Amino acid sequence: GLDCLTEWPMGDLVNFRGLELAAAIN
């Protein structure tokens, strides 16, 4: 789940595709 990305529970994260993650890094 998205909780693996943060140190504590967050309620404002929304799933995304790896394609958009790559686009942001690039």
mmCIF file of all heavy atoms, coordinates in Angstrom:
data_MODEL
# 
_entry.id   MODEL 
# 
loop_
_atom_site.group_PDB 
_atom_site.id 
_atom_site.type_symbol 
_atom_site.label_atom_id 
_atom_site.label_alt_id 
_atom_site.label_comp_id 
_atom_site.label_asym_id 
_atom_site.label_entity_id 
_atom_site.label_seq_id 
_atom_site.pdbx_PDB_ins_code 
_atom_site.Cartn_x 
_atom_site.Cartn_y 
_atom_site.Cartn_z 
_atom_site.occupancy 
_atom_site.B_iso_or_equiv 
_atom_site.pdbx_formal_charge 
_atom_site.auth_seq_id 
_atom_site.auth_comp_id 
_atom_site.auth_asym_id 
_atom_site.auth_atom_id 
_atom_site.pdbx_PDB_model_num 
ATOM 1   N N   . GLY A 1 1  ? 0.804  -1.204 0.000   1.00 0.00 ? 1  GLY A N   1 
ATOM 2   C CA  . GLY A 1 1  ? 0.000  0.000  0.000   1.00 0.00 ? 1  GLY A CA  1 
ATOM 3   C C   . GLY A 1 1  ? 0.844  1.264  0.000   1.00 0.00 ? 1  GLY A C   1 
ATOM 4   O O   . GLY A 1 1  ? 2.071  1.231  0.150   1.00 0.00 ? 1  GLY A O   1 
ATOM 5   N N   . LEU A 1 2  ? 0.166  2.395  -0.144  1.00 0.00 ? 2  LEU A N   1 
ATOM 6   C CA  . LEU A 1 2  ? 0.857  3.682  -0.197  1.00 0.00 ? 2  LEU A CA  1 
ATOM 7   C C   . LEU A 1 2  ? 1.547  4.022  1.115   1.00 0.00 ? 2  LEU A C   1 
ATOM 8   O O   . LEU A 1 2  ? 2.454  4.862  1.149   1.00 0.00 ? 2  LEU A O   1 
ATOM 9   C CB  . LEU A 1 2  ? -0.140 4.778  -0.567  1.00 0.00 ? 2  LEU A CB  1 
ATOM 10  C CG  . LEU A 1 2  ? -0.676 4.723  -2.009  1.00 0.00 ? 2  LEU A CG  1 
ATOM 11  C CD1 . LEU A 1 2  ? -1.929 5.587  -2.144  1.00 0.00 ? 2  LEU A CD1 1 
ATOM 12  C CD2 . LEU A 1 2  ? 0.384  5.178  -2.998  1.00 0.00 ? 2  LEU A CD2 1 
ATOM 13  N N   . ASP A 1 3  ? 1.151  3.372  2.207   1.00 0.00 ? 3  ASP A N   1 
ATOM 14  C CA  . ASP A 1 3  ? 1.777  3.649  3.508   1.00 0.00 ? 3  ASP A CA  1 
ATOM 15  C C   . ASP A 1 3  ? 3.261  3.313  3.523   1.00 0.00 ? 3  ASP A C   1 
ATOM 16  O O   . ASP A 1 3  ? 4.003  3.836  4.360   1.00 0.00 ? 3  ASP A O   1 
ATOM 17  C CB  . ASP A 1 3  ? 1.080  2.857  4.612   1.00 0.00 ? 3  ASP A CB  1 
ATOM 18  C CG  . ASP A 1 3  ? -0.229 3.505  5.046   1.00 0.00 ? 3  ASP A CG  1 
ATOM 19  O OD1 . ASP A 1 3  ? -0.514 4.623  4.573   1.00 0.00 ? 3  ASP A OD1 1 
ATOM 20  O OD2 . ASP A 1 3  ? -0.964 2.886  5.828   1.00 0.00 ? 3  ASP A OD2 1 
ATOM 21  N N   . CYS A 1 4  ? 3.714  2.454  2.622   1.00 0.00 ? 4  CYS A N   1 
ATOM 22  C CA  . CYS A 1 4  ? 5.137  2.111  2.616   1.00 0.00 ? 4  CYS A CA  1 
ATOM 23  C C   . CYS A 1 4  ? 6.003  3.302  2.226   1.00 0.00 ? 4  CYS A C   1 
ATOM 24  O O   . CYS A 1 4  ? 7.223  3.296  2.467   1.00 0.00 ? 4  CYS A O   1 
ATOM 25  C CB  . CYS A 1 4  ? 5.406  0.922  1.684   1.00 0.00 ? 4  CYS A CB  1 
ATOM 26  S SG  . CYS A 1 4  ? 5.317  1.302  -0.093  1.00 0.00 ? 4  CYS A SG  1 
ATOM 27  N N   . LEU A 1 5  ? 5.398  4.334  1.652   1.00 0.00 ? 5  LEU A N   1 
ATOM 28  C CA  . LEU A 1 5  ? 6.165  5.487  1.180   1.00 0.00 ? 5  LEU A CA  1 
ATOM 29  C C   . LEU A 1 5  ? 6.436  6.503  2.271   1.00 0.00 ? 5  LEU A C   1 
ATOM 30  O O   . LEU A 1 5  ? 7.282  7.390  2.095   1.00 0.00 ? 5  LEU A O   1 
ATOM 31  C CB  . LEU A 1 5  ? 5.419  6.185  0.035   1.00 0.00 ? 5  LEU A CB  1 
ATOM 32  C CG  . LEU A 1 5  ? 5.094  5.343  -1.204  1.00 0.00 ? 5  LEU A CG  1 
ATOM 33  C CD1 . LEU A 1 5  ? 4.315  6.187  -2.211  1.00 0.00 ? 5  LEU A CD1 1 
ATOM 34  C CD2 . LEU A 1 5  ? 6.357  4.786  -1.837  1.00 0.00 ? 5  LEU A CD2 1 
ATOM 35  N N   . THR A 1 6  ? 5.719  6.415  3.385   1.00 0.00 ? 6  THR A N   1 
ATOM 36  C CA  . THR A 1 6  ? 5.820  7.451  4.417   1.00 0.00 ? 6  THR A CA  1 
ATOM 37  C C   . THR A 1 6  ? 6.109  6.845  5.786   1.00 0.00 ? 6  THR A C   1 
ATOM 38  O O   . THR A 1 6  ? 5.862  5.667  6.018   1.00 0.00 ? 6  THR A O   1 
ATOM 39  C CB  . THR A 1 6  ? 4.515  8.271  4.490   1.00 0.00 ? 6  THR A CB  1 
ATOM 40  O OG1 . THR A 1 6  ? 3.414  7.392  4.732   1.00 0.00 ? 6  THR A OG1 1 
ATOM 41  C CG2 . THR A 1 6  ? 4.270  9.020  3.188   1.00 0.00 ? 6  THR A CG2 1 
ATOM 42  N N   . GLU A 1 7  ? 6.601  7.685  6.678   1.00 0.00 ? 7  GLU A N   1 
ATOM 43  C CA  . GLU A 1 7  ? 6.978  7.215  8.011   1.00 0.00 ? 7  GLU A CA  1 
ATOM 44  C C   . GLU A 1 7  ? 5.771  7.065  8.919   1.00 0.00 ? 7  GLU A C   1 
ATOM 45  O O   . GLU A 1 7  ? 5.821  6.350  9.909   1.00 0.00 ? 7  GLU A O   1 
ATOM 46  C CB  . GLU A 1 7  ? 7.985  8.184  8.638   1.00 0.00 ? 7  GLU A CB  1 
ATOM 47  C CG  . GLU A 1 7  ? 9.325  8.243  7.885   1.00 0.00 ? 7  GLU A CG  1 
ATOM 48  C CD  . GLU A 1 7  ? 10.302 9.212  8.537   1.00 0.00 ? 7  GLU A CD  1 
ATOM 49  O OE1 . GLU A 1 7  ? 10.006 9.662  9.666   1.00 0.00 ? 7  GLU A OE1 1 
ATOM 50  O OE2 . GLU A 1 7  ? 11.333 9.522  7.926   1.00 0.00 ? 7  GLU A OE2 1 
ATOM 51  N N   . TRP A 1 8  ? 4.693  7.776  8.638   1.00 0.00 ? 8  TRP A N   1 
ATOM 52  C CA  . TRP A 1 8  ? 3.495  7.702  9.470   1.00 0.00 ? 8  TRP A CA  1 
ATOM 53  C C   . TRP A 1 8  ? 2.270  7.696  8.562   1.00 0.00 ? 8  TRP A C   1 
ATOM 54  O O   . TRP A 1 8  ? 2.364  8.049  7.378   1.00 0.00 ? 8  TRP A O   1 
ATOM 55  C CB  . TRP A 1 8  ? 3.441  8.874  10.453  1.00 0.00 ? 8  TRP A CB  1 
ATOM 56  C CG  . TRP A 1 8  ? 3.688  10.200 9.817   1.00 0.00 ? 8  TRP A CG  1 
ATOM 57  C CD1 . TRP A 1 8  ? 2.819  10.929 9.063   1.00 0.00 ? 8  TRP A CD1 1 
ATOM 58  C CD2 . TRP A 1 8  ? 4.909  10.941 9.854   1.00 0.00 ? 8  TRP A CD2 1 
ATOM 59  N NE1 . TRP A 1 8  ? 3.404  12.072 8.632   1.00 0.00 ? 8  TRP A NE1 1 
ATOM 60  C CE2 . TRP A 1 8  ? 4.698  12.111 9.104   1.00 0.00 ? 8  TRP A CE2 1 
ATOM 61  C CE3 . TRP A 1 8  ? 6.159  10.729 10.452  1.00 0.00 ? 8  TRP A CE3 1 
ATOM 62  C CZ2 . TRP A 1 8  ? 5.692  13.075 8.949   1.00 0.00 ? 8  TRP A CZ2 1 
ATOM 63  C CZ3 . TRP A 1 8  ? 7.138  11.686 10.274  1.00 0.00 ? 8  TRP A CZ3 1 
ATOM 64  C CH2 . TRP A 1 8  ? 6.903  12.835 9.533   1.00 0.00 ? 8  TRP A CH2 1 
ATOM 65  N N   . PRO A 1 9  ? 1.119  7.295  9.077   1.00 0.00 ? 9  PRO A N   1 
ATOM 66  C CA  . PRO A 1 9  ? -0.070 7.198  8.219   1.00 0.00 ? 9  PRO A CA  1 
ATOM 67  C C   . PRO A 1 9  ? -0.476 8.559  7.653   1.00 0.00 ? 9  PRO A C   1 
ATOM 68  O O   . PRO A 1 9  ? -0.596 9.536  8.391   1.00 0.00 ? 9  PRO A O   1 
ATOM 69  C CB  . PRO A 1 9  ? -1.154 6.663  9.168   1.00 0.00 ? 9  PRO A CB  1 
ATOM 70  C CG  . PRO A 1 9  ? -0.406 6.039  10.294  1.00 0.00 ? 9  PRO A CG  1 
ATOM 71  C CD  . PRO A 1 9  ? 0.851  6.831  10.450  1.00 0.00 ? 9  PRO A CD  1 
ATOM 72  N N   . MET A 1 10 ? -0.665 8.611  6.350   1.00 0.00 ? 10 MET A N   1 
ATOM 73  C CA  . MET A 1 10 ? -1.100 9.818  5.662   1.00 0.00 ? 10 MET A CA  1 
ATOM 74  C C   . MET A 1 10 ? -2.414 9.526  4.938   1.00 0.00 ? 10 MET A C   1 
ATOM 75  O O   . MET A 1 10 ? -2.588 8.456  4.366   1.00 0.00 ? 10 MET A O   1 
ATOM 76  C CB  . MET A 1 10 ? -0.047 10.284 4.658   1.00 0.00 ? 10 MET A CB  1 
ATOM 77  C CG  . MET A 1 10 ? 1.324  10.563 5.251   1.00 0.00 ? 10 MET A CG  1 
ATOM 78  S SD  . MET A 1 10 ? 1.341  12.034 6.297   1.00 0.00 ? 10 MET A SD  1 
ATOM 79  C CE  . MET A 1 10 ? 1.164  13.317 5.053   1.00 0.00 ? 10 MET A CE  1 
ATOM 80  N N   . GLY A 1 11 ? -3.306 10.488 4.934   1.00 0.00 ? 11 GLY A N   1 
ATOM 81  C CA  . GLY A 1 11 ? -4.594 10.282 4.295   1.00 0.00 ? 11 GLY A CA  1 
ATOM 82  C C   . GLY A 1 11 ? -4.758 10.998 2.983   1.00 0.00 ? 11 GLY A C   1 
ATOM 83  O O   . GLY A 1 11 ? -5.856 10.991 2.401   1.00 0.00 ? 11 GLY A O   1 
ATOM 84  N N   . ASP A 1 12 ? -3.691 11.608 2.474   1.00 0.00 ? 12 ASP A N   1 
ATOM 85  C CA  . ASP A 1 12 ? -3.832 12.437 1.274   1.00 0.00 ? 12 ASP A CA  1 
ATOM 86  C C   . ASP A 1 12 ? -2.995 11.930 0.093   1.00 0.00 ? 12 ASP A C   1 
ATOM 87  O O   . ASP A 1 12 ? -2.662 12.692 -0.805  1.00 0.00 ? 12 ASP A O   1 
ATOM 88  C CB  . ASP A 1 12 ? -3.465 13.890 1.589   1.00 0.00 ? 12 ASP A CB  1 
ATOM 89  C CG  . ASP A 1 12 ? -2.053 14.049 2.141   1.00 0.00 ? 12 ASP A CG  1 
ATOM 90  O OD1 . ASP A 1 12 ? -1.359 13.021 2.316   1.00 0.00 ? 12 ASP A OD1 1 
ATOM 91  O OD2 . ASP A 1 12 ? -1.649 15.199 2.402   1.00 0.00 ? 12 ASP A OD2 1 
ATOM 92  N N   . LEU A 1 13 ? -2.670 10.645 0.099   1.00 0.00 ? 13 LEU A N   1 
ATOM 93  C CA  . LEU A 1 13 ? -1.925 10.058 -1.016  1.00 0.00 ? 13 LEU A CA  1 
ATOM 94  C C   . LEU A 1 13 ? -2.882 9.304  -1.933  1.00 0.00 ? 13 LEU A C   1 
ATOM 95  O O   . LEU A 1 13 ? -3.831 8.670  -1.482  1.00 0.00 ? 13 LEU A O   1 
ATOM 96  C CB  . LEU A 1 13 ? -0.850 9.104  -0.506  1.00 0.00 ? 13 LEU A CB  1 
ATOM 97  C CG  . LEU A 1 13 ? 0.169  9.671  0.485   1.00 0.00 ? 13 LEU A CG  1 
ATOM 98  C CD1 . LEU A 1 13 ? 1.194  8.606  0.850   1.00 0.00 ? 13 LEU A CD1 1 
ATOM 99  C CD2 . LEU A 1 13 ? 0.851  10.917 -0.063  1.00 0.00 ? 13 LEU A CD2 1 
ATOM 100 N N   . VAL A 1 14 ? -2.610 9.375  -3.231  1.00 0.00 ? 14 VAL A N   1 
ATOM 101 C CA  . VAL A 1 14 ? -3.449 8.721  -4.231  1.00 0.00 ? 14 VAL A CA  1 
ATOM 102 C C   . VAL A 1 14 ? -2.550 7.936  -5.165  1.00 0.00 ? 14 VAL A C   1 
ATOM 103 O O   . VAL A 1 14 ? -1.464 8.397  -5.546  1.00 0.00 ? 14 VAL A O   1 
ATOM 104 C CB  . VAL A 1 14 ? -4.279 9.757  -5.027  1.00 0.00 ? 14 VAL A CB  1 
ATOM 105 C CG1 . VAL A 1 14 ? -5.173 9.063  -6.041  1.00 0.00 ? 14 VAL A CG1 1 
ATOM 106 C CG2 . VAL A 1 14 ? -5.109 10.618 -4.077  1.00 0.00 ? 14 VAL A CG2 1 
ATOM 107 N N   . ASN A 1 15 ? -2.999 6.752  -5.531  1.00 0.00 ? 15 ASN A N   1 
ATOM 108 C CA  . ASN A 1 15 ? -2.171 5.874  -6.350  1.00 0.00 ? 15 ASN A CA  1 
ATOM 109 C C   . ASN A 1 15 ? -1.896 6.486  -7.721  1.00 0.00 ? 15 ASN A C   1 
ATOM 110 O O   . ASN A 1 15 ? -2.687 7.267  -8.249  1.00 0.00 ? 15 ASN A O   1 
ATOM 111 C CB  . ASN A 1 15 ? -2.840 4.514  -6.521  1.00 0.00 ? 15 ASN A CB  1 
ATOM 112 C CG  . ASN A 1 15 ? -1.838 3.406  -6.710  1.00 0.00 ? 15 ASN A CG  1 
ATOM 113 O OD1 . ASN A 1 15 ? -0.671 3.538  -6.353  1.00 0.00 ? 15 ASN A OD1 1 
ATOM 114 N ND2 . ASN A 1 15 ? -2.266 2.305  -7.289  1.00 0.00 ? 15 ASN A ND2 1 
ATOM 115 N N   . PHE A 1 16 ? -0.777 6.113  -8.292  1.00 0.00 ? 16 PHE A N   1 
ATOM 116 C CA  . PHE A 1 16 ? -0.308 6.641  -9.560  1.00 0.00 ? 16 PHE A CA  1 
ATOM 117 C C   . PHE A 1 16 ? 0.296  5.508  -10.362 1.00 0.00 ? 16 PHE A C   1 
ATOM 118 O O   . PHE A 1 16 ? 0.478  4.389  -9.853  1.00 0.00 ? 16 PHE A O   1 
ATOM 119 C CB  . PHE A 1 16 ? 0.749  7.726  -9.320  1.00 0.00 ? 16 PHE A CB  1 
ATOM 120 C CG  . PHE A 1 16 ? 1.892  7.245  -8.448  1.00 0.00 ? 16 PHE A CG  1 
ATOM 121 C CD1 . PHE A 1 16 ? 3.008  6.633  -8.997  1.00 0.00 ? 16 PHE A CD1 1 
ATOM 122 C CD2 . PHE A 1 16 ? 1.824  7.374  -7.070  1.00 0.00 ? 16 PHE A CD2 1 
ATOM 123 C CE1 . PHE A 1 16 ? 4.037  6.154  -8.202  1.00 0.00 ? 16 PHE A CE1 1 
ATOM 124 C CE2 . PHE A 1 16 ? 2.854  6.896  -6.253  1.00 0.00 ? 16 PHE A CE2 1 
ATOM 125 C CZ  . PHE A 1 16 ? 3.962  6.288  -6.832  1.00 0.00 ? 16 PHE A CZ  1 
ATOM 126 N N   . ARG A 1 17 ? 0.633  5.759  -11.604 1.00 0.00 ? 17 ARG A N   1 
ATOM 127 C CA  . ARG A 1 17 ? 1.309  4.758  -12.425 1.00 0.00 ? 17 ARG A CA  1 
ATOM 128 C C   . ARG A 1 17 ? 2.820  4.980  -12.392 1.00 0.00 ? 17 ARG A C   1 
ATOM 129 O O   . ARG A 1 17 ? 3.296  6.101  -12.197 1.00 0.00 ? 17 ARG A O   1 
ATOM 130 C CB  . ARG A 1 17 ? 0.817  4.837  -13.870 1.00 0.00 ? 17 ARG A CB  1 
ATOM 131 C CG  . ARG A 1 17 ? -0.666 4.647  -14.051 1.00 0.00 ? 17 ARG A CG  1 
ATOM 132 C CD  . ARG A 1 17 ? -1.045 4.601  -15.524 1.00 0.00 ? 17 ARG A CD  1 
ATOM 133 N NE  . ARG A 1 17 ? -0.672 5.807  -16.243 1.00 0.00 ? 17 ARG A NE  1 
ATOM 134 C CZ  . ARG A 1 17 ? -0.739 5.942  -17.567 1.00 0.00 ? 17 ARG A CZ  1 
ATOM 135 N NH1 . ARG A 1 17 ? -1.155 4.932  -18.314 1.00 0.00 ? 17 ARG A NH1 1 
ATOM 136 N NH2 . ARG A 1 17 ? -0.392 7.083  -18.150 1.00 0.00 ? 17 ARG A NH2 1 
ATOM 137 N N   . GLY A 1 18 ? 3.566  3.922  -12.617 1.00 0.00 ? 18 GLY A N   1 
ATOM 138 C CA  . GLY A 1 18 ? 5.011  4.062  -12.716 1.00 0.00 ? 18 GLY A CA  1 
ATOM 139 C C   . GLY A 1 18 ? 5.414  4.990  -13.843 1.00 0.00 ? 18 GLY A C   1 
ATOM 140 O O   . GLY A 1 18 ? 6.471  5.636  -13.790 1.00 0.00 ? 18 GLY A O   1 
ATOM 141 N N   . LEU A 1 19 ? 4.581  5.102  -14.854 1.00 0.00 ? 19 LEU A N   1 
ATOM 142 C CA  . LEU A 1 19 ? 4.869  5.990  -15.980 1.00 0.00 ? 19 LEU A CA  1 
ATOM 143 C C   . LEU A 1 19 ? 4.937  7.442  -15.527 1.00 0.00 ? 19 LEU A C   1 
ATOM 144 O O   . LEU A 1 19 ? 5.790  8.207  -16.001 1.00 0.00 ? 19 LEU A O   1 
ATOM 145 C CB  . LEU A 1 19 ? 3.790  5.815  -17.050 1.00 0.00 ? 19 LEU A CB  1 
ATOM 146 C CG  . LEU A 1 19 ? 3.790  4.445  -17.740 1.00 0.00 ? 19 LEU A CG  1 
ATOM 147 C CD1 . LEU A 1 19 ? 2.422  4.125  -18.317 1.00 0.00 ? 19 LEU A CD1 1 
ATOM 148 C CD2 . LEU A 1 19 ? 4.855  4.396  -18.817 1.00 0.00 ? 19 LEU A CD2 1 
ATOM 149 N N   . GLU A 1 20 ? 4.036  7.843  -14.629 1.00 0.00 ? 20 GLU A N   1 
ATOM 150 C CA  . GLU A 1 20 ? 4.076  9.219  -14.136 1.00 0.00 ? 20 GLU A CA  1 
ATOM 151 C C   . GLU A 1 20 ? 5.205  9.426  -13.126 1.00 0.00 ? 20 GLU A C   1 
ATOM 152 O O   . GLU A 1 20 ? 5.766  10.527 -13.035 1.00 0.00 ? 20 GLU A O   1 
ATOM 153 C CB  . GLU A 1 20 ? 2.734  9.592  -13.521 1.00 0.00 ? 20 GLU A CB  1 
ATOM 154 C CG  . GLU A 1 20 ? 1.688  10.049 -14.520 1.00 0.00 ? 20 GLU A CG  1 
ATOM 155 C CD  . GLU A 1 20 ? 1.121  8.915  -15.358 1.00 0.00 ? 20 GLU A CD  1 
ATOM 156 O OE1 . GLU A 1 20 ? 0.818  7.850  -14.796 1.00 0.00 ? 20 GLU A OE1 1 
ATOM 157 O OE2 . GLU A 1 20 ? 0.983  9.100  -16.582 1.00 0.00 ? 20 GLU A OE2 1 
ATOM 158 N N   . LEU A 1 21 ? 5.550  8.400  -12.363 1.00 0.00 ? 21 LEU A N   1 
ATOM 159 C CA  . LEU A 1 21 ? 6.717  8.499  -11.480 1.00 0.00 ? 21 LEU A CA  1 
ATOM 160 C C   . LEU A 1 21 ? 7.973  8.731  -12.305 1.00 0.00 ? 21 LEU A C   1 
ATOM 161 O O   . LEU A 1 21 ? 8.802  9.591  -11.981 1.00 0.00 ? 21 LEU A O   1 
ATOM 162 C CB  . LEU A 1 21 ? 6.841  7.232  -10.633 1.00 0.00 ? 21 LEU A CB  1 
ATOM 163 C CG  . LEU A 1 21 ? 8.104  7.107  -9.771  1.00 0.00 ? 21 LEU A CG  1 
ATOM 164 C CD1 . LEU A 1 21 ? 8.250  8.284  -8.820  1.00 0.00 ? 21 LEU A CD1 1 
ATOM 165 C CD2 . LEU A 1 21 ? 8.084  5.785  -8.998  1.00 0.00 ? 21 LEU A CD2 1 
ATOM 166 N N   . ALA A 1 22 ? 8.128  7.969  -13.381 1.00 0.00 ? 22 ALA A N   1 
ATOM 167 C CA  . ALA A 1 22 ? 9.279  8.161  -14.268 1.00 0.00 ? 22 ALA A CA  1 
ATOM 168 C C   . ALA A 1 22 ? 9.276  9.556  -14.864 1.00 0.00 ? 22 ALA A C   1 
ATOM 169 O O   . ALA A 1 22 ? 10.326 10.217 -14.947 1.00 0.00 ? 22 ALA A O   1 
ATOM 170 C CB  . ALA A 1 22 ? 9.256  7.112  -15.383 1.00 0.00 ? 22 ALA A CB  1 
ATOM 171 N N   . ALA A 1 23 ? 8.100  10.028 -15.280 1.00 0.00 ? 23 ALA A N   1 
ATOM 172 C CA  . ALA A 1 23 ? 8.010  11.358 -15.878 1.00 0.00 ? 23 ALA A CA  1 
ATOM 173 C C   . ALA A 1 23 ? 8.458  12.439 -14.902 1.00 0.00 ? 23 ALA A C   1 
ATOM 174 O O   . ALA A 1 23 ? 9.144  13.394 -15.279 1.00 0.00 ? 23 ALA A O   1 
ATOM 175 C CB  . ALA A 1 23 ? 6.584  11.627 -16.349 1.00 0.00 ? 23 ALA A CB  1 
ATOM 176 N N   . ALA A 1 24 ? 8.085  12.296 -13.631 1.00 0.00 ? 24 ALA A N   1 
ATOM 177 C CA  . ALA A 1 24 ? 8.477  13.285 -12.629 1.00 0.00 ? 24 ALA A CA  1 
ATOM 178 C C   . ALA A 1 24 ? 9.987  13.259 -12.402 1.00 0.00 ? 24 ALA A C   1 
ATOM 179 O O   . ALA A 1 24 ? 10.639 14.316 -12.352 1.00 0.00 ? 24 ALA A O   1 
ATOM 180 C CB  . ALA A 1 24 ? 7.734  13.029 -11.325 1.00 0.00 ? 24 ALA A CB  1 
ATOM 181 N N   . ILE A 1 25 ? 10.562 12.079 -12.251 1.00 0.00 ? 25 ILE A N   1 
ATOM 182 C CA  . ILE A 1 25 ? 12.004 11.977 -12.061 1.00 0.00 ? 25 ILE A CA  1 
ATOM 183 C C   . ILE A 1 25 ? 12.742 12.573 -13.257 1.00 0.00 ? 25 ILE A C   1 
ATOM 184 O O   . ILE A 1 25 ? 13.726 13.313 -13.103 1.00 0.00 ? 25 ILE A O   1 
ATOM 185 C CB  . ILE A 1 25 ? 12.412 10.507 -11.838 1.00 0.00 ? 25 ILE A CB  1 
ATOM 186 C CG1 . ILE A 1 25 ? 11.870 10.003 -10.500 1.00 0.00 ? 25 ILE A CG1 1 
ATOM 187 C CG2 . ILE A 1 25 ? 13.935 10.351 -11.884 1.00 0.00 ? 25 ILE A CG2 1 
ATOM 188 C CD1 . ILE A 1 25 ? 12.069 8.513  -10.261 1.00 0.00 ? 25 ILE A CD1 1 
ATOM 189 N N   . ASN A 1 26 ? 12.267 12.279 -14.451 1.00 0.00 ? 26 ASN A N   1 
ATOM 190 C CA  . ASN A 1 26 ? 12.942 12.771 -15.656 1.00 0.00 ? 26 ASN A CA  1 
ATOM 191 C C   . ASN A 1 26 ? 12.898 14.282 -15.788 1.00 0.00 ? 26 ASN A C   1 
ATOM 192 O O   . ASN A 1 26 ? 13.713 14.859 -16.513 1.00 0.00 ? 26 ASN A O   1 
ATOM 193 C CB  . ASN A 1 26 ? 12.317 12.127 -16.895 1.00 0.00 ? 26 ASN A CB  1 
ATOM 194 C CG  . ASN A 1 26 ? 12.771 10.701 -17.104 1.00 0.00 ? 26 ASN A CG  1 
ATOM 195 O OD1 . ASN A 1 26 ? 13.936 10.384 -16.911 1.00 0.00 ? 26 ASN A OD1 1 
ATOM 196 N ND2 . ASN A 1 26 ? 11.852 9.822  -17.477 1.00 0.00 ? 26 ASN A ND2 1 
# 
